[in-house]
Amino acid sequence: MKVRLVLVSFLMLPALAAIAQAANEQNADSLRKFCEPFRSSSAPSLDKAYCRGYIVGWRAGIEGAQIPDDKGVLQIVTFAGGATDGDMARQFLLYMDNHADEKDALPKIALMHAMLSAGIAKTAPAEKAPDKPDSR
């Protein structure tokens, strides 16, 4: 039992180190590098897993949320049905190929621009909540 625990620990250390290193990357170009395996049908890798995890987490966090657009107007974000995380990664790569000026942007910003550009994400103005009468 002790030998198994030690073996598992040694196997997990490189994975955890790679994830910790990836978490320190703070720009769209670094996310693009992790997403590169999506350009081909390459075997699973830590880079591919990190890219997929980032995209899935980002989508889950932003779908249905009210976010300000570039002019400060609140928008509700929706996603086209049928778009997979692989589709999103490939569209992000294509967008970054054509928009090198966003390589230093935050990954979540460049990813949003890529999804809007590809038509995978859409925004609609958020309706202002009706004023509630004072219940005192």
N, C-alpha and C. Protein backbone atom coordinates (compact mmCIF):
# COMPACT_ATOMS: atom_id res chain seq x y z
N MET A 1 0.82 -1.19 0.00
CA MET A 1 0.00 0.00 0.00
C MET A 1 0.87 1.26 0.00
N LYS A 2 1.91 1.25 0.83
CA LYS A 2 2.81 2.39 0.93
C LYS A 2 3.55 2.61 -0.39
N VAL A 3 3.93 1.53 -1.05
CA VAL A 3 4.63 1.62 -2.32
C VAL A 3 3.72 2.25 -3.38
N ARG A 4 2.46 1.87 -3.38
CA ARG A 4 1.50 2.44 -4.34
C ARG A 4 1.34 3.94 -4.13
N LEU A 5 1.24 4.34 -2.88
CA LEU A 5 1.08 5.76 -2.57
C LEU A 5 2.30 6.56 -3.04
N VAL A 6 3.48 6.04 -2.82
CA VAL A 6 4.70 6.71 -3.27
C VAL A 6 4.73 6.77 -4.80
N LEU A 7 4.36 5.68 -5.45
CA LEU A 7 4.34 5.64 -6.92
C LEU A 7 3.35 6.64 -7.49
N VAL A 8 2.17 6.67 -6.94
CA VAL A 8 1.15 7.62 -7.40
C VAL A 8 1.62 9.05 -7.18
N SER A 9 2.26 9.30 -6.05
CA SER A 9 2.77 10.64 -5.77
C SER A 9 3.79 11.08 -6.82
N PHE A 10 4.70 10.17 -7.17
CA PHE A 10 5.71 10.51 -8.18
C PHE A 10 5.08 10.72 -9.55
N LEU A 11 4.02 10.01 -9.84
CA LEU A 11 3.36 10.18 -11.13
C LEU A 11 2.56 11.48 -11.19
N MET A 12 2.04 11.91 -10.06
CA MET A 12 1.22 13.12 -10.03
C MET A 12 2.05 14.40 -9.97
N LEU A 13 3.27 14.34 -9.47
CA LEU A 13 4.08 15.55 -9.33
C LEU A 13 4.28 16.30 -10.65
N PRO A 14 4.66 15.63 -11.75
CA PRO A 14 4.81 16.38 -13.00
C PRO A 14 3.50 17.01 -13.48
N ALA A 15 2.41 16.31 -13.29
CA ALA A 15 1.12 16.87 -13.71
C ALA A 15 0.78 18.10 -12.89
N LEU A 16 0.94 18.01 -11.59
CA LEU A 16 0.65 19.15 -10.73
C LEU A 16 1.59 20.32 -11.01
N ALA A 17 2.85 20.03 -11.28
CA ALA A 17 3.80 21.09 -11.61
C ALA A 17 3.41 21.80 -12.90
N ALA A 18 2.98 21.03 -13.88
CA ALA A 18 2.56 21.62 -15.16
C ALA A 18 1.31 22.48 -14.97
N ILE A 19 0.37 22.01 -14.18
CA ILE A 19 -0.85 22.79 -13.93
C ILE A 19 -0.52 24.06 -13.17
N ALA A 20 0.35 23.97 -12.18
CA ALA A 20 0.73 25.16 -11.41
C ALA A 20 1.44 26.17 -12.30
N GLN A 21 2.31 25.68 -13.18
CA GLN A 21 3.01 26.58 -14.10
C GLN A 21 2.02 27.22 -15.05
N ALA A 22 1.05 26.45 -15.53
CA ALA A 22 0.06 26.98 -16.47
C ALA A 22 -0.81 28.04 -15.81
N ALA A 23 -1.12 27.85 -14.54
CA ALA A 23 -1.97 28.81 -13.84
C ALA A 23 -1.30 30.17 -13.72
N ASN A 24 0.04 30.21 -13.78
CA ASN A 24 0.75 31.48 -13.67
C ASN A 24 0.72 32.29 -14.96
N GLU A 25 0.41 31.65 -16.08
CA GLU A 25 0.37 32.35 -17.35
C GLU A 25 -0.86 33.24 -17.39
N GLN A 26 -0.69 34.48 -17.73
CA GLN A 26 -1.78 35.44 -17.63
C GLN A 26 -2.10 36.17 -18.93
N ASN A 27 -1.75 35.62 -20.09
CA ASN A 27 -2.11 36.32 -21.31
C ASN A 27 -2.67 35.35 -22.35
N ALA A 28 -3.30 35.91 -23.36
CA ALA A 28 -3.97 35.10 -24.38
C ALA A 28 -2.98 34.26 -25.17
N ASP A 29 -1.77 34.75 -25.35
CA ASP A 29 -0.78 33.99 -26.10
C ASP A 29 -0.41 32.70 -25.38
N SER A 30 -0.35 32.75 -24.06
CA SER A 30 -0.03 31.53 -23.32
C SER A 30 -1.17 30.52 -23.44
N LEU A 31 -2.42 30.98 -23.42
CA LEU A 31 -3.55 30.07 -23.62
C LEU A 31 -3.51 29.50 -25.03
N ARG A 32 -3.14 30.32 -26.00
CA ARG A 32 -3.03 29.84 -27.38
C ARG A 32 -2.03 28.69 -27.47
N LYS A 33 -0.91 28.80 -26.76
CA LYS A 33 0.10 27.73 -26.78
C LYS A 33 -0.46 26.43 -26.22
N PHE A 34 -1.25 26.53 -25.15
CA PHE A 34 -1.85 25.33 -24.58
C PHE A 34 -2.89 24.71 -25.52
N CYS A 35 -3.52 25.54 -26.34
CA CYS A 35 -4.58 25.06 -27.24
C CYS A 35 -4.03 24.52 -28.57
N GLU A 36 -2.76 24.70 -28.84
CA GLU A 36 -2.17 24.25 -30.11
C GLU A 36 -2.48 22.80 -30.47
N PRO A 37 -2.52 21.85 -29.52
CA PRO A 37 -2.83 20.47 -29.90
C PRO A 37 -4.19 20.31 -30.59
N PHE A 38 -5.08 21.28 -30.46
CA PHE A 38 -6.39 21.20 -31.12
C PHE A 38 -6.30 21.46 -32.62
N ARG A 39 -5.15 21.91 -33.10
CA ARG A 39 -4.99 22.11 -34.55
C ARG A 39 -4.98 20.78 -35.30
N SER A 40 -4.64 19.72 -34.62
CA SER A 40 -4.61 18.40 -35.25
C SER A 40 -5.34 17.42 -34.33
N SER A 41 -5.45 16.22 -34.79
CA SER A 41 -6.10 15.21 -33.95
C SER A 41 -5.04 14.50 -33.11
N SER A 42 -4.27 15.29 -32.41
CA SER A 42 -3.18 14.74 -31.60
C SER A 42 -3.74 13.99 -30.38
N ALA A 43 -2.89 13.19 -29.82
CA ALA A 43 -3.26 12.41 -28.63
C ALA A 43 -3.51 13.36 -27.47
N PRO A 44 -4.25 12.89 -26.47
CA PRO A 44 -4.45 13.72 -25.27
C PRO A 44 -3.12 14.12 -24.64
N SER A 45 -3.10 15.33 -24.10
CA SER A 45 -1.89 15.84 -23.45
C SER A 45 -2.31 16.77 -22.33
N LEU A 46 -1.35 17.13 -21.48
CA LEU A 46 -1.66 18.09 -20.41
C LEU A 46 -2.03 19.45 -20.98
N ASP A 47 -1.36 19.86 -22.06
CA ASP A 47 -1.69 21.14 -22.69
C ASP A 47 -3.13 21.14 -23.18
N LYS A 48 -3.52 20.09 -23.86
CA LYS A 48 -4.88 19.98 -24.38
C LYS A 48 -5.89 19.97 -23.24
N ALA A 49 -5.57 19.26 -22.17
CA ALA A 49 -6.46 19.20 -21.01
C ALA A 49 -6.59 20.57 -20.35
N TYR A 50 -5.48 21.30 -20.25
CA TYR A 50 -5.54 22.63 -19.66
C TYR A 50 -6.40 23.56 -20.51
N CYS A 51 -6.18 23.53 -21.82
CA CYS A 51 -6.96 24.37 -22.72
C CYS A 51 -8.45 24.05 -22.61
N ARG A 52 -8.76 22.77 -22.66
CA ARG A 52 -10.16 22.33 -22.57
C ARG A 52 -10.76 22.75 -21.23
N GLY A 53 -10.02 22.57 -20.15
CA GLY A 53 -10.51 22.95 -18.83
C GLY A 53 -10.75 24.44 -18.72
N TYR A 54 -9.85 25.23 -19.28
CA TYR A 54 -10.01 26.69 -19.24
C TYR A 54 -11.27 27.09 -20.00
N ILE A 55 -11.45 26.55 -21.20
CA ILE A 55 -12.60 26.91 -22.03
C ILE A 55 -13.91 26.46 -21.38
N VAL A 56 -13.94 25.24 -20.87
CA VAL A 56 -15.16 24.73 -20.23
C VAL A 56 -15.51 25.57 -19.00
N GLY A 57 -14.52 25.88 -18.18
CA GLY A 57 -14.75 26.70 -17.00
C GLY A 57 -15.19 28.12 -17.36
N TRP A 58 -14.54 28.69 -18.36
CA TRP A 58 -14.90 30.04 -18.80
C TRP A 58 -16.33 30.08 -19.29
N ARG A 59 -16.69 29.10 -20.13
CA ARG A 59 -18.05 29.07 -20.68
C ARG A 59 -19.09 28.88 -19.57
N ALA A 60 -18.83 27.99 -18.64
CA ALA A 60 -19.76 27.75 -17.54
C ALA A 60 -19.93 29.00 -16.68
N GLY A 61 -18.87 29.75 -16.52
CA GLY A 61 -18.93 30.94 -15.69
C GLY A 61 -19.58 32.13 -16.35
N ILE A 62 -19.53 32.19 -17.66
CA ILE A 62 -20.02 33.39 -18.34
C ILE A 62 -21.39 33.21 -18.99
N GLU A 63 -21.78 31.97 -19.27
CA GLU A 63 -23.07 31.74 -19.95
C GLU A 63 -24.22 32.21 -19.06
N GLY A 64 -25.04 33.09 -19.62
CA GLY A 64 -26.17 33.65 -18.89
C GLY A 64 -25.82 34.80 -17.98
N ALA A 65 -24.55 35.11 -17.86
CA ALA A 65 -24.12 36.20 -16.97
C ALA A 65 -24.34 37.55 -17.65
N GLN A 66 -24.47 38.55 -16.82
CA GLN A 66 -24.56 39.92 -17.32
C GLN A 66 -23.17 40.53 -17.21
N ILE A 67 -22.61 40.90 -18.35
CA ILE A 67 -21.28 41.49 -18.36
C ILE A 67 -21.32 42.81 -19.12
N PRO A 68 -20.47 43.75 -18.76
CA PRO A 68 -20.44 45.00 -19.52
C PRO A 68 -19.69 44.81 -20.84
N ASP A 69 -20.21 45.43 -21.89
CA ASP A 69 -19.49 45.39 -23.16
C ASP A 69 -18.42 46.47 -23.15
N ASP A 70 -17.81 46.72 -24.31
CA ASP A 70 -16.72 47.71 -24.38
C ASP A 70 -17.18 49.13 -24.06
N LYS A 71 -18.51 49.36 -24.12
CA LYS A 71 -19.06 50.69 -23.82
C LYS A 71 -19.68 50.75 -22.44
N GLY A 72 -19.58 49.66 -21.67
CA GLY A 72 -20.10 49.65 -20.31
C GLY A 72 -21.57 49.26 -20.21
N VAL A 73 -22.21 48.87 -21.31
CA VAL A 73 -23.61 48.48 -21.30
C VAL A 73 -23.69 46.99 -20.93
N LEU A 74 -24.56 46.67 -19.97
CA LEU A 74 -24.69 45.27 -19.55
C LEU A 74 -25.28 44.41 -20.66
N GLN A 75 -24.65 43.28 -20.91
CA GLN A 75 -25.09 42.33 -21.93
C GLN A 75 -25.23 40.95 -21.30
N ILE A 76 -26.18 40.16 -21.80
CA ILE A 76 -26.32 38.77 -21.38
C ILE A 76 -25.66 37.91 -22.44
N VAL A 77 -24.84 36.96 -22.02
CA VAL A 77 -24.08 36.11 -22.93
C VAL A 77 -24.82 34.78 -23.12
N THR A 78 -24.97 34.38 -24.38
CA THR A 78 -25.52 33.06 -24.71
C THR A 78 -24.60 32.40 -25.72
N PHE A 79 -24.68 31.08 -25.80
CA PHE A 79 -23.84 30.32 -26.71
C PHE A 79 -24.69 29.54 -27.69
N ALA A 80 -24.17 29.40 -28.92
CA ALA A 80 -24.85 28.61 -29.94
C ALA A 80 -24.87 27.15 -29.53
N GLY A 81 -25.97 26.50 -29.76
CA GLY A 81 -26.06 25.08 -29.45
C GLY A 81 -25.15 24.27 -30.36
N GLY A 82 -24.60 23.21 -29.83
CA GLY A 82 -23.78 22.33 -30.64
C GLY A 82 -22.31 22.68 -30.72
N ALA A 83 -21.90 23.81 -30.19
CA ALA A 83 -20.47 24.17 -30.22
C ALA A 83 -19.75 23.40 -29.11
N THR A 84 -18.78 22.60 -29.50
CA THR A 84 -18.02 21.82 -28.52
C THR A 84 -16.83 22.63 -28.03
N ASP A 85 -16.21 22.14 -26.97
CA ASP A 85 -15.01 22.82 -26.47
C ASP A 85 -13.89 22.74 -27.50
N GLY A 86 -13.84 21.67 -28.29
CA GLY A 86 -12.85 21.57 -29.37
C GLY A 86 -13.10 22.62 -30.44
N ASP A 87 -14.37 22.83 -30.80
CA ASP A 87 -14.73 23.88 -31.77
C ASP A 87 -14.29 25.24 -31.24
N MET A 88 -14.54 25.46 -29.97
CA MET A 88 -14.18 26.75 -29.37
C MET A 88 -12.67 26.94 -29.36
N ALA A 89 -11.92 25.89 -29.06
CA ALA A 89 -10.46 25.99 -29.06
C ALA A 89 -9.94 26.30 -30.45
N ARG A 90 -10.49 25.63 -31.46
CA ARG A 90 -10.04 25.88 -32.84
C ARG A 90 -10.39 27.29 -33.30
N GLN A 91 -11.55 27.79 -32.92
CA GLN A 91 -11.92 29.16 -33.28
C GLN A 91 -11.04 30.18 -32.55
N PHE A 92 -10.69 29.86 -31.31
CA PHE A 92 -9.77 30.73 -30.57
C PHE A 92 -8.42 30.79 -31.26
N LEU A 93 -7.91 29.64 -31.69
CA LEU A 93 -6.62 29.60 -32.40
C LEU A 93 -6.68 30.40 -33.69
N LEU A 94 -7.75 30.24 -34.44
CA LEU A 94 -7.92 30.98 -35.70
C LEU A 94 -7.97 32.49 -35.42
N TYR A 95 -8.70 32.86 -34.40
CA TYR A 95 -8.81 34.27 -34.03
C TYR A 95 -7.43 34.83 -33.64
N MET A 96 -6.69 34.08 -32.84
CA MET A 96 -5.37 34.55 -32.42
C MET A 96 -4.40 34.64 -33.60
N ASP A 97 -4.55 33.74 -34.59
CA ASP A 97 -3.71 33.82 -35.80
C ASP A 97 -3.93 35.15 -36.51
N ASN A 98 -5.15 35.65 -36.49
CA ASN A 98 -5.51 36.87 -37.21
C ASN A 98 -5.49 38.13 -36.35
N HIS A 99 -5.28 37.98 -35.06
CA HIS A 99 -5.30 39.13 -34.16
C HIS A 99 -4.12 39.07 -33.19
N ALA A 100 -2.94 39.15 -33.74
CA ALA A 100 -1.71 39.09 -32.92
C ALA A 100 -1.66 40.24 -31.91
N ASP A 101 -2.40 41.31 -32.18
CA ASP A 101 -2.41 42.45 -31.26
C ASP A 101 -3.05 42.10 -29.91
N GLU A 102 -3.75 40.97 -29.82
CA GLU A 102 -4.40 40.58 -28.57
C GLU A 102 -3.59 39.54 -27.79
N LYS A 103 -2.37 39.29 -28.21
CA LYS A 103 -1.58 38.25 -27.53
C LYS A 103 -1.30 38.58 -26.07
N ASP A 104 -1.26 39.84 -25.71
CA ASP A 104 -1.01 40.24 -24.32
C ASP A 104 -2.29 40.51 -23.54
N ALA A 105 -3.44 40.33 -24.19
CA ALA A 105 -4.72 40.54 -23.51
C ALA A 105 -4.97 39.42 -22.50
N LEU A 106 -5.88 39.66 -21.59
CA LEU A 106 -6.28 38.60 -20.68
C LEU A 106 -6.92 37.48 -21.50
N PRO A 107 -6.67 36.23 -21.16
CA PRO A 107 -7.23 35.12 -21.93
C PRO A 107 -8.74 35.18 -22.04
N LYS A 108 -9.43 35.56 -20.97
CA LYS A 108 -10.89 35.59 -20.99
C LYS A 108 -11.40 36.66 -21.96
N ILE A 109 -10.67 37.74 -22.13
CA ILE A 109 -11.09 38.80 -23.05
C ILE A 109 -10.89 38.34 -24.49
N ALA A 110 -9.71 37.82 -24.81
CA ALA A 110 -9.45 37.34 -26.18
C ALA A 110 -10.38 36.18 -26.54
N LEU A 111 -10.67 35.32 -25.58
CA LEU A 111 -11.58 34.20 -25.82
C LEU A 111 -12.98 34.72 -26.13
N MET A 112 -13.43 35.72 -25.40
CA MET A 112 -14.75 36.30 -25.66
C MET A 112 -14.79 36.94 -27.04
N HIS A 113 -13.76 37.69 -27.40
CA HIS A 113 -13.71 38.30 -28.73
C HIS A 113 -13.73 37.22 -29.82
N ALA A 114 -13.00 36.12 -29.60
CA ALA A 114 -12.95 35.03 -30.57
C ALA A 114 -14.32 34.39 -30.73
N MET A 115 -15.02 34.15 -29.63
CA MET A 115 -16.32 33.48 -29.70
C MET A 115 -17.38 34.39 -30.31
N LEU A 116 -17.30 35.69 -30.04
CA LEU A 116 -18.23 36.63 -30.67
C LEU A 116 -17.95 36.72 -32.17
N SER A 117 -16.68 36.78 -32.53
CA SER A 117 -16.28 36.87 -33.93
C SER A 117 -16.74 35.64 -34.72
N ALA A 118 -16.67 34.47 -34.10
CA ALA A 118 -17.05 33.22 -34.77
C ALA A 118 -18.55 32.98 -34.73
N GLY A 119 -19.28 33.76 -33.97
CA GLY A 119 -20.72 33.57 -33.86
C GLY A 119 -21.10 32.46 -32.88
N ILE A 120 -20.14 31.95 -32.14
CA ILE A 120 -20.43 30.91 -31.14
C ILE A 120 -21.10 31.53 -29.92
N ALA A 121 -20.66 32.72 -29.55
CA ALA A 121 -21.27 33.45 -28.44
C ALA A 121 -22.02 34.65 -29.00
N LYS A 122 -23.09 34.98 -28.34
CA LYS A 122 -23.87 36.16 -28.71
C LYS A 122 -24.18 36.93 -27.44
N THR A 123 -24.35 38.23 -27.60
CA THR A 123 -24.75 39.05 -26.46
C THR A 123 -26.03 39.78 -26.81
N ALA A 124 -26.83 40.01 -25.81
CA ALA A 124 -28.06 40.78 -25.96
C ALA A 124 -28.15 41.72 -24.77
N PRO A 125 -28.66 42.92 -24.99
CA PRO A 125 -28.74 43.86 -23.87
C PRO A 125 -29.55 43.27 -22.72
N ALA A 126 -29.04 43.44 -21.53
CA ALA A 126 -29.74 42.96 -20.34
C ALA A 126 -30.86 43.95 -20.05
N GLU A 127 -32.02 43.41 -19.76
CA GLU A 127 -33.13 44.30 -19.41
C GLU A 127 -32.92 44.81 -18.01
N LYS A 128 -33.21 46.06 -17.85
CA LYS A 128 -33.06 46.65 -16.53
C LYS A 128 -34.15 46.06 -15.63
N ALA A 129 -33.76 45.65 -14.45
CA ALA A 129 -34.71 45.07 -13.51
C ALA A 129 -35.74 46.14 -13.10
N PRO A 130 -37.02 45.77 -13.07
CA PRO A 130 -38.03 46.77 -12.66
C PRO A 130 -37.80 47.20 -11.22
N ASP A 131 -38.08 48.44 -10.97
CA ASP A 131 -37.93 48.95 -9.61
C ASP A 131 -38.94 48.26 -8.70
N LYS A 132 -38.47 47.82 -7.56
CA LYS A 132 -39.34 47.14 -6.60
C LYS A 132 -39.91 48.19 -5.65
N PRO A 133 -41.18 48.08 -5.36
CA PRO A 133 -41.75 49.04 -4.41
C PRO A 133 -41.16 48.83 -3.01
N ASP A 134 -41.06 49.89 -2.29
CA ASP A 134 -40.51 49.82 -0.93
C ASP A 134 -41.50 49.08 -0.07
N SER A 135 -41.07 48.04 0.61
CA SER A 135 -41.97 47.19 1.40
C SER A 135 -41.92 47.50 2.90
N ARG A 136 -41.55 48.71 3.23
CA ARG A 136 -41.48 49.07 4.66
C ARG A 136 -42.82 49.30 5.22
